[in-house]
Amino acid sequence: MKLSETQQLAQTDIINQIHKAGKDLFKPNGAVKVGGNQQMKSGELYGRSVKISEMADAMDKYNLVMQVNLSGDKRQVAMATPNELRAGANISSDTGSFSLVKSGNYLRGIDML
């Protein structure tokens, strides 16, 4: 989708606002193996600083998606749409599949499927 310069500036501004408010959502959070099946999960829980509903609304308004990365023994990446965030849906792409760990209206972690 081609955006105007004004739309690009608005996207950059909202991304910066989300980064500032969400702090730990955008910092490295290394994956760890958990349980008998050695499932990969984000090593630390994310704080409750940005509500999923507010982030998803901003993503809708400014035509954004969220990139989900998980790296440990291997690295996987997928894109999350606003509706996937709201629903807490599993997110899949050719390079990875994830489950979002929600607590109420907050994203608390990411599990590799």
PDB file of N, CA and C in Angstrom:
ATOM      1  N   MET A   1       0.839  -1.173   0.000  1.00  0.00           N
ATOM      2  CA  MET A   1       0.000   0.000   0.000  1.00  0.00           C
ATOM      3  C   MET A   1       0.885   1.237   0.000  1.00  0.00           C
ATOM      4  N   LYS A   2       0.633   2.151  -0.916  1.00  0.00           N
ATOM      5  CA  LYS A   2       1.404   3.382  -0.996  1.00  0.00           C
ATOM      6  C   LYS A   2       0.801   4.432  -0.063  1.00  0.00           C
ATOM      7  N   LEU A   3       1.644   4.973   0.794  1.00  0.00           N
ATOM      8  CA  LEU A   3       1.190   5.968   1.760  1.00  0.00           C
ATOM      9  C   LEU A   3       1.703   7.342   1.377  1.00  0.00           C
ATOM     10  N   SER A   4       0.931   8.356   1.711  1.00  0.00           N
ATOM     11  CA  SER A   4       1.379   9.730   1.502  1.00  0.00           C
ATOM     12  C   SER A   4       2.442  10.057   2.554  1.00  0.00           C
ATOM     13  N   GLU A   5       3.134  11.151   2.339  1.00  0.00           N
ATOM     14  CA  GLU A   5       4.142  11.579   3.310  1.00  0.00           C
ATOM     15  C   GLU A   5       3.505  11.852   4.670  1.00  0.00           C
ATOM     16  N   THR A   6       2.319  12.435   4.663  1.00  0.00           N
ATOM     17  CA  THR A   6       1.588  12.717   5.907  1.00  0.00           C
ATOM     18  C   THR A   6       1.244  11.416   6.633  1.00  0.00           C
ATOM     19  N   GLN A   7       0.775  10.407   5.883  1.00  0.00           N
ATOM     20  CA  GLN A   7       0.447   9.113   6.480  1.00  0.00           C
ATOM     21  C   GLN A   7       1.700   8.439   7.038  1.00  0.00           C
ATOM     22  N   GLN A   8       2.810   8.539   6.322  1.00  0.00           N
ATOM     23  CA  GLN A   8       4.064   7.954   6.809  1.00  0.00           C
ATOM     24  C   GLN A   8       4.519   8.616   8.097  1.00  0.00           C
ATOM     25  N   LEU A   9       4.402   9.933   8.166  1.00  0.00           N
ATOM     26  CA  LEU A   9       4.774  10.647   9.391  1.00  0.00           C
ATOM     27  C   LEU A   9       3.866  10.253  10.547  1.00  0.00           C
ATOM     28  N   ALA A  10       2.569  10.096  10.276  1.00  0.00           N
ATOM     29  CA  ALA A  10       1.628   9.681  11.316  1.00  0.00           C
ATOM     30  C   ALA A  10       1.958   8.277  11.805  1.00  0.00           C
ATOM     31  N   GLN A  11       2.307   7.372  10.879  1.00  0.00           N
ATOM     32  CA  GLN A  11       2.698   6.007  11.277  1.00  0.00           C
ATOM     33  C   GLN A  11       3.938   6.050  12.162  1.00  0.00           C
ATOM     34  N   THR A  12       4.935   6.806  11.738  1.00  0.00           N
ATOM     35  CA  THR A  12       6.179   6.908  12.514  1.00  0.00           C
ATOM     36  C   THR A  12       5.894   7.449  13.908  1.00  0.00           C
ATOM     37  N   ASP A  13       5.036   8.450  13.997  1.00  0.00           N
ATOM     38  CA  ASP A  13       4.694   9.042  15.290  1.00  0.00           C
ATOM     39  C   ASP A  13       4.006   8.025  16.199  1.00  0.00           C
ATOM     40  N   ILE A  14       3.019   7.296  15.669  1.00  0.00           N
ATOM     41  CA  ILE A  14       2.296   6.331  16.520  1.00  0.00           C
ATOM     42  C   ILE A  14       3.208   5.165  16.904  1.00  0.00           C
ATOM     43  N   ILE A  15       4.074   4.740  16.004  1.00  0.00           N
ATOM     44  CA  ILE A  15       5.028   3.674  16.331  1.00  0.00           C
ATOM     45  C   ILE A  15       5.933   4.128  17.474  1.00  0.00           C
ATOM     46  N   ASN A  16       6.425   5.358  17.403  1.00  0.00           N
ATOM     47  CA  ASN A  16       7.270   5.890  18.479  1.00  0.00           C
ATOM     48  C   ASN A  16       6.511   5.963  19.801  1.00  0.00           C
ATOM     49  N   GLN A  17       5.227   6.358  19.758  1.00  0.00           N
ATOM     50  CA  GLN A  17       4.416   6.416  20.974  1.00  0.00           C
ATOM     51  C   GLN A  17       4.231   5.023  21.586  1.00  0.00           C
ATOM     52  N   ILE A  18       3.962   4.032  20.733  1.00  0.00           N
ATOM     53  CA  ILE A  18       3.788   2.652  21.222  1.00  0.00           C
ATOM     54  C   ILE A  18       5.101   2.126  21.792  1.00  0.00           C
ATOM     55  N   HIS A  19       6.215   2.395  21.117  1.00  0.00           N
ATOM     56  CA  HIS A  19       7.520   1.962  21.623  1.00  0.00           C
ATOM     57  C   HIS A  19       7.813   2.581  22.986  1.00  0.00           C
ATOM     58  N   LYS A  20       7.539   3.872  23.113  1.00  0.00           N
ATOM     59  CA  LYS A  20       7.802   4.563  24.384  1.00  0.00           C
ATOM     60  C   LYS A  20       6.935   4.006  25.501  1.00  0.00           C
ATOM     61  N   ALA A  21       5.655   3.809  25.232  1.00  0.00           N
ATOM     62  CA  ALA A  21       4.734   3.306  26.257  1.00  0.00           C
ATOM     63  C   ALA A  21       4.967   1.833  26.550  1.00  0.00           C
ATOM     64  N   GLY A  22       5.270   1.048  25.525  1.00  0.00           N
ATOM     65  CA  GLY A  22       5.388  -0.401  25.665  1.00  0.00           C
ATOM     66  C   GLY A  22       6.748  -0.896  26.071  1.00  0.00           C
ATOM     67  N   LYS A  23       7.702  -0.034  26.169  1.00  0.00           N
ATOM     68  CA  LYS A  23       9.084  -0.296  26.540  1.00  0.00           C
ATOM     69  C   LYS A  23       9.529  -1.747  26.365  1.00  0.00           C
ATOM     70  N   ASP A  24       9.187  -2.630  27.298  1.00  0.00           N
ATOM     71  CA  ASP A  24       9.726  -3.989  27.294  1.00  0.00           C
ATOM     72  C   ASP A  24       9.185  -4.869  26.170  1.00  0.00           C
ATOM     73  N   LEU A  25       8.080  -4.472  25.521  1.00  0.00           N
ATOM     74  CA  LEU A  25       7.572  -5.254  24.388  1.00  0.00           C
ATOM     75  C   LEU A  25       8.551  -5.235  23.220  1.00  0.00           C
ATOM     76  N   PHE A  26       9.440  -4.247  23.200  1.00  0.00           N
ATOM     77  CA  PHE A  26      10.330  -4.062  22.068  1.00  0.00           C
ATOM     78  C   PHE A  26      11.799  -4.273  22.417  1.00  0.00           C
ATOM     79  N   LYS A  27      12.079  -4.684  23.624  1.00  0.00           N
ATOM     80  CA  LYS A  27      13.443  -5.003  24.037  1.00  0.00           C
ATOM     81  C   LYS A  27      13.684  -6.494  23.844  1.00  0.00           C
ATOM     82  N   PRO A  28      14.932  -6.895  23.619  1.00  0.00           N
ATOM     83  CA  PRO A  28      15.215  -8.333  23.502  1.00  0.00           C
ATOM     84  C   PRO A  28      14.730  -9.092  24.730  1.00  0.00           C
ATOM     85  N   ASN A  29      14.092 -10.222  24.477  1.00  0.00           N
ATOM     86  CA  ASN A  29      13.558 -11.083  25.531  1.00  0.00           C
ATOM     87  C   ASN A  29      13.821 -12.509  25.053  1.00  0.00           C
ATOM     88  N   GLY A  30      15.009 -12.997  25.307  1.00  0.00           N
ATOM     89  CA  GLY A  30      15.460 -14.272  24.768  1.00  0.00           C
ATOM     90  C   GLY A  30      14.529 -15.422  25.090  1.00  0.00           C
ATOM     91  N   ALA A  31      14.442 -16.354  24.158  1.00  0.00           N
ATOM     92  CA  ALA A  31      13.598 -17.537  24.330  1.00  0.00           C
ATOM     93  C   ALA A  31      14.282 -18.548  25.238  1.00  0.00           C
ATOM     94  N   VAL A  32      13.477 -19.295  25.972  1.00  0.00           N
ATOM     95  CA  VAL A  32      13.977 -20.366  26.827  1.00  0.00           C
ATOM     96  C   VAL A  32      13.166 -21.625  26.552  1.00  0.00           C
ATOM     97  N   LYS A  33      13.780 -22.779  26.791  1.00  0.00           N
ATOM     98  CA  LYS A  33      13.082 -24.057  26.652  1.00  0.00           C
ATOM     99  C   LYS A  33      12.391 -24.374  27.967  1.00  0.00           C
ATOM    100  N   VAL A  34      11.123 -24.788  27.871  1.00  0.00           N
ATOM    101  CA  VAL A  34      10.319 -25.039  29.062  1.00  0.00           C
ATOM    102  C   VAL A  34       9.635 -26.394  28.927  1.00  0.00           C
ATOM    103  N   GLY A  35       9.567 -27.118  30.025  1.00  0.00           N
ATOM    104  CA  GLY A  35       8.802 -28.364  30.069  1.00  0.00           C
ATOM    105  C   GLY A  35       9.493 -29.542  29.416  1.00  0.00           C
ATOM    106  N   GLY A  36       8.825 -30.681  29.532  1.00  0.00           N
ATOM    107  CA  GLY A  36       9.370 -31.927  29.010  1.00  0.00           C
ATOM    108  C   GLY A  36       9.536 -31.943  27.508  1.00  0.00           C
ATOM    109  N   ASN A  37       8.657 -31.212  26.801  1.00  0.00           N
ATOM    110  CA  ASN A  37       8.779 -31.188  25.341  1.00  0.00           C
ATOM    111  C   ASN A  37       9.717 -30.081  24.870  1.00  0.00           C
ATOM    112  N   GLN A  38      10.333 -29.372  25.814  1.00  0.00           N
ATOM    113  CA  GLN A  38      11.293 -28.311  25.521  1.00  0.00           C
ATOM    114  C   GLN A  38      10.712 -27.231  24.613  1.00  0.00           C
ATOM    115  N   GLN A  39       9.467 -26.836  24.893  1.00  0.00           N
ATOM    116  CA  GLN A  39       8.828 -25.785  24.119  1.00  0.00           C
ATOM    117  C   GLN A  39       9.568 -24.471  24.337  1.00  0.00           C
ATOM    118  N   MET A  40       9.696 -23.670  23.279  1.00  0.00           N
ATOM    119  CA  MET A  40      10.350 -22.369  23.360  1.00  0.00           C
ATOM    120  C   MET A  40       9.321 -21.303  23.727  1.00  0.00           C
ATOM    121  N   LYS A  41       9.685 -20.477  24.717  1.00  0.00           N
ATOM    122  CA  LYS A  41       8.813 -19.395  25.183  1.00  0.00           C
ATOM    123  C   LYS A  41       9.663 -18.165  25.438  1.00  0.00           C
ATOM    124  N   SER A  42       9.031 -16.999  25.439  1.00  0.00           N
ATOM    125  CA  SER A  42       9.768 -15.794  25.814  1.00  0.00           C
ATOM    126  C   SER A  42      10.249 -15.974  27.255  1.00  0.00           C
ATOM    127  N   GLY A  43      11.483 -15.580  27.511  1.00  0.00           N
ATOM    128  CA  GLY A  43      12.100 -15.831  28.799  1.00  0.00           C
ATOM    129  C   GLY A  43      11.521 -15.032  29.946  1.00  0.00           C
ATOM    130  N   GLU A  44      11.065 -13.838  29.678  1.00  0.00           N
ATOM    131  CA  GLU A  44      10.513 -12.955  30.700  1.00  0.00           C
ATOM    132  C   GLU A  44       9.086 -12.588  30.327  1.00  0.00           C
ATOM    133  N   LEU A  45       8.244 -12.352  31.332  1.00  0.00           N
ATOM    134  CA  LEU A  45       6.902 -11.848  31.066  1.00  0.00           C
ATOM    135  C   LEU A  45       6.995 -10.361  30.743  1.00  0.00           C
ATOM    136  N   TYR A  46       6.163  -9.917  29.814  1.00  0.00           N
ATOM    137  CA  TYR A  46       6.092  -8.492  29.498  1.00  0.00           C
ATOM    138  C   TYR A  46       5.255  -7.795  30.551  1.00  0.00           C
ATOM    139  N   GLY A  47       5.569  -6.524  30.798  1.00  0.00           N
ATOM    140  CA  GLY A  47       4.822  -5.735  31.772  1.00  0.00           C
ATOM    141  C   GLY A  47       3.450  -5.358  31.246  1.00  0.00           C
ATOM    142  N   ARG A  48       2.669  -4.789  32.116  1.00  0.00           N
ATOM    143  CA  ARG A  48       1.318  -4.350  31.751  1.00  0.00           C
ATOM    144  C   ARG A  48       1.334  -2.845  31.494  1.00  0.00           C
ATOM    145  N   SER A  49       2.007  -2.446  30.405  1.00  0.00           N
ATOM    146  CA  SER A  49       2.124  -1.016  30.135  1.00  0.00           C
ATOM    147  C   SER A  49       1.275  -0.553  28.959  1.00  0.00           C
ATOM    148  N   VAL A  50       0.971  -1.437  28.011  1.00  0.00           N
ATOM    149  CA  VAL A  50       0.146  -1.073  26.857  1.00  0.00           C
ATOM    150  C   VAL A  50      -0.971  -2.093  26.715  1.00  0.00           C
ATOM    151  N   LYS A  51      -2.201  -1.624  26.687  1.00  0.00           N
ATOM    152  CA  LYS A  51      -3.334  -2.527  26.506  1.00  0.00           C
ATOM    153  C   LYS A  51      -3.377  -3.012  25.062  1.00  0.00           C
ATOM    154  N   ILE A  52      -3.656  -4.307  24.904  1.00  0.00           N
ATOM    155  CA  ILE A  52      -3.762  -4.884  23.569  1.00  0.00           C
ATOM    156  C   ILE A  52      -4.815  -4.140  22.758  1.00  0.00           C
ATOM    157  N   SER A  53      -5.954  -3.837  23.362  1.00  0.00           N
ATOM    158  CA  SER A  53      -7.037  -3.163  22.637  1.00  0.00           C
ATOM    159  C   SER A  53      -6.584  -1.807  22.104  1.00  0.00           C
ATOM    160  N   GLU A  54      -5.829  -1.055  22.890  1.00  0.00           N
ATOM    161  CA  GLU A  54      -5.353   0.262  22.456  1.00  0.00           C
ATOM    162  C   GLU A  54      -4.311   0.129  21.355  1.00  0.00           C
ATOM    163  N   MET A  55      -3.404  -0.841  21.497  1.00  0.00           N
ATOM    164  CA  MET A  55      -2.388  -1.050  20.472  1.00  0.00           C
ATOM    165  C   MET A  55      -3.036  -1.501  19.168  1.00  0.00           C
ATOM    166  N   ALA A  56      -3.996  -2.426  19.247  1.00  0.00           N
ATOM    167  CA  ALA A  56      -4.675  -2.921  18.054  1.00  0.00           C
ATOM    168  C   ALA A  56      -5.485  -1.799  17.383  1.00  0.00           C
ATOM    169  N   ASP A  57      -6.125  -0.951  18.168  1.00  0.00           N
ATOM    170  CA  ASP A  57      -6.867   0.175  17.595  1.00  0.00           C
ATOM    171  C   ASP A  57      -5.928   1.114  16.831  1.00  0.00           C
ATOM    172  N   ALA A  58      -4.773   1.398  17.414  1.00  0.00           N
ATOM    173  CA  ALA A  58      -3.783   2.251  16.733  1.00  0.00           C
ATOM    174  C   ALA A  58      -3.270   1.575  15.463  1.00  0.00           C
ATOM    175  N   MET A  59      -3.056   0.256  15.533  1.00  0.00           N
ATOM    176  CA  MET A  59      -2.605  -0.478  14.344  1.00  0.00           C
ATOM    177  C   MET A  59      -3.648  -0.399  13.238  1.00  0.00           C
ATOM    178  N   ASP A  60      -4.929  -0.549  13.589  1.00  0.00           N
ATOM    179  CA  ASP A  60      -6.014  -0.413  12.603  1.00  0.00           C
ATOM    180  C   ASP A  60      -6.015   0.982  11.989  1.00  0.00           C
ATOM    181  N   LYS A  61      -5.992   1.984  12.844  1.00  0.00           N
ATOM    182  CA  LYS A  61      -6.107   3.371  12.389  1.00  0.00           C
ATOM    183  C   LYS A  61      -4.956   3.774  11.471  1.00  0.00           C
ATOM    184  N   TYR A  62      -3.758   3.269  11.745  1.00  0.00           N
ATOM    185  CA  TYR A  62      -2.571   3.687  10.996  1.00  0.00           C
ATOM    186  C   TYR A  62      -2.039   2.605  10.051  1.00  0.00           C
ATOM    187  N   ASN A  63      -2.862   1.566   9.817  1.00  0.00           N
ATOM    188  CA  ASN A  63      -2.524   0.511   8.855  1.00  0.00           C
ATOM    189  C   ASN A  63      -1.172  -0.142   9.179  1.00  0.00           C
ATOM    190  N   LEU A  64      -1.056  -0.670  10.406  1.00  0.00           N
ATOM    191  CA  LEU A  64       0.178  -1.283  10.872  1.00  0.00           C
ATOM    192  C   LEU A  64      -0.033  -2.755  11.229  1.00  0.00           C
ATOM    193  N   VAL A  65       1.048  -3.514  11.209  1.00  0.00           N
ATOM    194  CA  VAL A  65       1.086  -4.875  11.740  1.00  0.00           C
ATOM    195  C   VAL A  65       2.250  -4.950  12.718  1.00  0.00           C
ATOM    196  N   MET A  66       2.239  -5.965  13.569  1.00  0.00           N
ATOM    197  CA  MET A  66       3.324  -6.149  14.522  1.00  0.00           C
ATOM    198  C   MET A  66       4.164  -7.346  14.094  1.00  0.00           C
ATOM    199  N   GLN A  67       5.465  -7.166  14.090  1.00  0.00           N
ATOM    200  CA  GLN A  67       6.359  -8.275  13.798  1.00  0.00           C
ATOM    201  C   GLN A  67       6.658  -9.002  15.102  1.00  0.00           C
ATOM    202  N   VAL A  68       6.481 -10.319  15.090  1.00  0.00           N
ATOM    203  CA  VAL A  68       6.743 -11.153  16.255  1.00  0.00           C
ATOM    204  C   VAL A  68       7.994 -11.971  15.960  1.00  0.00           C
ATOM    205  N   ASN A  69       8.998 -11.851  16.813  1.00  0.00           N
ATOM    206  CA  ASN A  69      10.256 -12.586  16.657  1.00  0.00           C
ATOM    207  C   ASN A  69      10.472 -13.454  17.883  1.00  0.00           C
ATOM    208  N   LEU A  70      11.001 -14.634  17.673  1.00  0.00           N
ATOM    209  CA  LEU A  70      11.414 -15.471  18.786  1.00  0.00           C
ATOM    210  C   LEU A  70      12.700 -16.154  18.355  1.00  0.00           C
ATOM    211  N   SER A  71      13.739 -15.994  19.158  1.00  0.00           N
ATOM    212  CA  SER A  71      15.001 -16.622  18.799  1.00  0.00           C
ATOM    213  C   SER A  71      15.578 -17.346  19.999  1.00  0.00           C
ATOM    214  N   GLY A  72      16.106 -18.475  19.742  1.00  0.00           N
ATOM    215  CA  GLY A  72      16.762 -19.324  20.730  1.00  0.00           C
ATOM    216  C   GLY A  72      17.668 -20.234  19.936  1.00  0.00           C
ATOM    217  N   ASP A  73      17.407 -21.558  19.974  1.00  0.00           N
ATOM    218  CA  ASP A  73      18.156 -22.477  19.129  1.00  0.00           C
ATOM    219  C   ASP A  73      17.925 -22.166  17.660  1.00  0.00           C
ATOM    220  N   LYS A  74      16.741 -21.657  17.362  1.00  0.00           N
ATOM    221  CA  LYS A  74      16.416 -21.221  16.002  1.00  0.00           C
ATOM    222  C   LYS A  74      15.630 -19.931  16.096  1.00  0.00           C
ATOM    223  N   ARG A  75      15.516 -19.239  14.979  1.00  0.00           N
ATOM    224  CA  ARG A  75      14.834 -17.946  14.941  1.00  0.00           C
ATOM    225  C   ARG A  75      13.590 -18.084  14.078  1.00  0.00           C
ATOM    226  N   GLN A  76      12.470 -17.561  14.582  1.00  0.00           N
ATOM    227  CA  GLN A  76      11.230 -17.565  13.829  1.00  0.00           C
ATOM    228  C   GLN A  76      10.611 -16.175  13.868  1.00  0.00           C
ATOM    229  N   VAL A  77       9.957 -15.815  12.766  1.00  0.00           N
ATOM    230  CA  VAL A  77       9.359 -14.494  12.625  1.00  0.00           C
ATOM    231  C   VAL A  77       7.977 -14.645  11.994  1.00  0.00           C
ATOM    232  N   ALA A  78       7.023 -13.844  12.447  1.00  0.00           N
ATOM    233  CA  ALA A  78       5.687 -13.794  11.839  1.00  0.00           C
ATOM    234  C   ALA A  78       5.130 -12.386  12.048  1.00  0.00           C
ATOM    235  N   MET A  79       4.097 -12.054  11.295  1.00  0.00           N
ATOM    236  CA  MET A  79       3.429 -10.765  11.424  1.00  0.00           C
ATOM    237  C   MET A  79       2.072 -10.964  12.086  1.00  0.00           C
ATOM    238  N   ALA A  80       1.747 -10.099  13.039  1.00  0.00           N
ATOM    239  CA  ALA A  80       0.460 -10.160  13.738  1.00  0.00           C
ATOM    240  C   ALA A  80      -0.400  -8.981  13.306  1.00  0.00           C
ATOM    241  N   THR A  81      -1.636  -9.271  12.917  1.00  0.00           N
ATOM    242  CA  THR A  81      -2.581  -8.218  12.557  1.00  0.00           C
ATOM    243  C   THR A  81      -3.280  -7.717  13.825  1.00  0.00           C
ATOM    244  N   PRO A  82      -3.922  -6.561  13.747  1.00  0.00           N
ATOM    245  CA  PRO A  82      -4.670  -6.084  14.915  1.00  0.00           C
ATOM    246  C   PRO A  82      -5.720  -7.086  15.395  1.00  0.00           C
ATOM    247  N   ASN A  83      -6.424  -7.723  14.479  1.00  0.00           N
ATOM    248  CA  ASN A  83      -7.452  -8.688  14.877  1.00  0.00           C
ATOM    249  C   ASN A  83      -6.848  -9.925  15.534  1.00  0.00           C
ATOM    250  N   GLU A  84      -5.679 -10.357  15.087  1.00  0.00           N
ATOM    251  CA  GLU A  84      -5.009 -11.494  15.738  1.00  0.00           C
ATOM    252  C   GLU A  84      -4.601 -11.126  17.155  1.00  0.00           C
ATOM    253  N   LEU A  85      -4.135  -9.896  17.353  1.00  0.00           N
ATOM    254  CA  LEU A  85      -3.794  -9.452  18.713  1.00  0.00           C
ATOM    255  C   LEU A  85      -5.020  -9.445  19.611  1.00  0.00           C
ATOM    256  N   ARG A  86      -6.113  -8.879  19.111  1.00  0.00           N
ATOM    257  CA  ARG A  86      -7.339  -8.800  19.906  1.00  0.00           C
ATOM    258  C   ARG A  86      -7.842 -10.189  20.289  1.00  0.00           C
ATOM    259  N   ALA A  87      -7.804 -11.111  19.330  1.00  0.00           N
ATOM    260  CA  ALA A  87      -8.350 -12.451  19.552  1.00  0.00           C
ATOM    261  C   ALA A  87      -7.388 -13.346  20.330  1.00  0.00           C
ATOM    262  N   GLY A  88      -6.119 -12.944  20.406  1.00  0.00           N
ATOM    263  CA  GLY A  88      -5.131 -13.822  21.031  1.00  0.00           C
ATOM    264  C   GLY A  88      -4.917 -15.060  20.173  1.00  0.00           C
ATOM    265  N   ALA A  89      -5.127 -14.898  18.878  1.00  0.00           N
ATOM    266  CA  ALA A  89      -5.045 -16.021  17.937  1.00  0.00           C
ATOM    267  C   ALA A  89      -3.608 -16.503  17.786  1.00  0.00           C
ATOM    268  N   ASN A  90      -3.480 -17.748  17.350  1.00  0.00           N
ATOM    269  CA  ASN A  90      -2.171 -18.233  16.953  1.00  0.00           C
ATOM    270  C   ASN A  90      -1.786 -17.498  15.682  1.00  0.00           C
ATOM    271  N   ILE A  91      -0.520 -17.157  15.580  1.00  0.00           N
ATOM    272  CA  ILE A  91      -0.015 -16.396  14.441  1.00  0.00           C
ATOM    273  C   ILE A  91       0.941 -17.302  13.688  1.00  0.00           C
ATOM    274  N   SER A  92       0.715 -17.446  12.385  1.00  0.00           N
ATOM    275  CA  SER A  92       1.537 -18.353  11.584  1.00  0.00           C
ATOM    276  C   SER A  92       2.024 -17.675  10.321  1.00  0.00           C
ATOM    277  N   SER A  93       3.224 -18.044   9.922  1.00  0.00           N
ATOM    278  CA  SER A  93       3.779 -17.634   8.642  1.00  0.00           C
ATOM    279  C   SER A  93       4.712 -18.747   8.187  1.00  0.00           C
ATOM    280  N   ASP A  94       5.320 -18.567   7.035  1.00  0.00           N
ATOM    281  CA  ASP A  94       6.258 -19.574   6.532  1.00  0.00           C
ATOM    282  C   ASP A  94       7.474 -19.730   7.446  1.00  0.00           C
ATOM    283  N   THR A  95       7.779 -18.685   8.223  1.00  0.00           N
ATOM    284  CA  THR A  95       8.980 -18.724   9.043  1.00  0.00           C
ATOM    285  C   THR A  95       8.717 -18.958  10.519  1.00  0.00           C
ATOM    286  N   GLY A  96       7.451 -19.120  10.914  1.00  0.00           N
ATOM    287  CA  GLY A  96       7.207 -19.379  12.323  1.00  0.00           C
ATOM    288  C   GLY A  96       5.747 -19.369  12.693  1.00  0.00           C
ATOM    289  N   SER A  97       5.452 -20.017  13.805  1.00  0.00           N
ATOM    290  CA  SER A  97       4.103 -20.033  14.373  1.00  0.00           C
ATOM    291  C   SER A  97       4.213 -19.739  15.860  1.00  0.00           C
ATOM    292  N   PHE A  98       3.321 -18.861  16.331  1.00  0.00           N
ATOM    293  CA  PHE A  98       3.371 -18.396  17.709  1.00  0.00           C
ATOM    294  C   PHE A  98       2.003 -18.415  18.353  1.00  0.00           C
ATOM    295  N   SER A  99       2.023 -18.503  19.654  1.00  0.00           N
ATOM    296  CA  SER A  99       0.829 -18.327  20.465  1.00  0.00           C
ATOM    297  C   SER A  99       1.089 -17.122  21.356  1.00  0.00           C
ATOM    298  N   LEU A 100       0.142 -16.187  21.385  1.00  0.00           N
ATOM    299  CA  LEU A 100       0.276 -15.025  22.247  1.00  0.00           C
ATOM    300  C   LEU A 100      -0.232 -15.376  23.636  1.00  0.00           C
ATOM    301  N   VAL A 101       0.526 -15.042  24.649  1.00  0.00           N
ATOM    302  CA  VAL A 101       0.134 -15.284  26.035  1.00  0.00           C
ATOM    303  C   VAL A 101      -0.460 -13.987  26.559  1.00  0.00           C
ATOM    304  N   LYS A 102      -1.772 -14.005  26.797  1.00  0.00           N
ATOM    305  CA  LYS A 102      -2.469 -12.813  27.256  1.00  0.00           C
ATOM    306  C   LYS A 102      -2.871 -12.965  28.715  1.00  0.00           C
ATOM    307  N   SER A 103      -2.906 -11.838  29.395  1.00  0.00           N
ATOM    308  CA  SER A 103      -3.461 -11.767  30.743  1.00  0.00           C
ATOM    309  C   SER A 103      -4.400 -10.577  30.727  1.00  0.00           C
ATOM    310  N   GLY A 104      -5.690 -10.871  30.683  1.00  0.00           N
ATOM    311  CA  GLY A 104      -6.653  -9.790  30.543  1.00  0.00           C
ATOM    312  C   GLY A 104      -6.446  -9.079  29.218  1.00  0.00           C
ATOM    313  N   ASN A 105      -6.210  -7.789  29.270  1.00  0.00           N
ATOM    314  CA  ASN A 105      -6.048  -6.961  28.079  1.00  0.00           C
ATOM    315  C   ASN A 105      -4.574  -6.643  27.810  1.00  0.00           C
ATOM    316  N   TYR A 106      -3.681  -7.524  28.259  1.00  0.00           N
ATOM    317  CA  TYR A 106      -2.250  -7.272  28.113  1.00  0.00           C
ATOM    318  C   TYR A 106      -1.547  -8.476  27.508  1.00  0.00           C
ATOM    319  N   LEU A 107      -0.537  -8.208  26.685  1.00  0.00           N
ATOM    320  CA  LEU A 107       0.330  -9.251  26.133  1.00  0.00           C
ATOM    321  C   LEU A 107       1.412  -9.522  27.163  1.00  0.00           C
ATOM    322  N   ARG A 108       1.500 -10.774  27.614  1.00  0.00           N
ATOM    323  CA  ARG A 108       2.456 -11.121  28.675  1.00  0.00           C
ATOM    324  C   ARG A 108       3.614 -11.983  28.188  1.00  0.00           C
ATOM    325  N   GLY A 109       3.448 -12.644  27.019  1.00  0.00           N
ATOM    326  CA  GLY A 109       4.524 -13.474  26.526  1.00  0.00           C
ATOM    327  C   GLY A 109       4.185 -14.029  25.157  1.00  0.00           C
ATOM    328  N   ILE A 110       5.155 -14.758  24.600  1.00  0.00           N
ATOM    329  CA  ILE A 110       5.008 -15.387  23.287  1.00  0.00           C
ATOM    330  C   ILE A 110       5.558 -16.791  23.385  1.00  0.00           C
ATOM    331  N   ASP A 111       4.786 -17.758  22.887  1.00  0.00           N
ATOM    332  CA  ASP A 111       5.219 -19.155  22.849  1.00  0.00           C
ATOM    333  C   ASP A 111       5.395 -19.576  21.402  1.00  0.00           C
ATOM    334  N   MET A 112       6.460 -20.284  21.119  1.00  0.00           N
ATOM    335  CA  MET A 112       6.678 -20.839  19.788  1.00  0.00           C
ATOM    336  C   MET A 112       5.883 -22.128  19.692  1.00  0.00           C
ATOM    337  N   LEU A 113       5.142 -22.308  18.613  1.00  0.00           N
ATOM    338  CA  LEU A 113       4.347 -23.534  18.445  1.00  0.00           C
ATOM    339  C   LEU A 113       5.136 -24.562  17.660  1.00  0.00           C
TER     340      LEU A 113
END
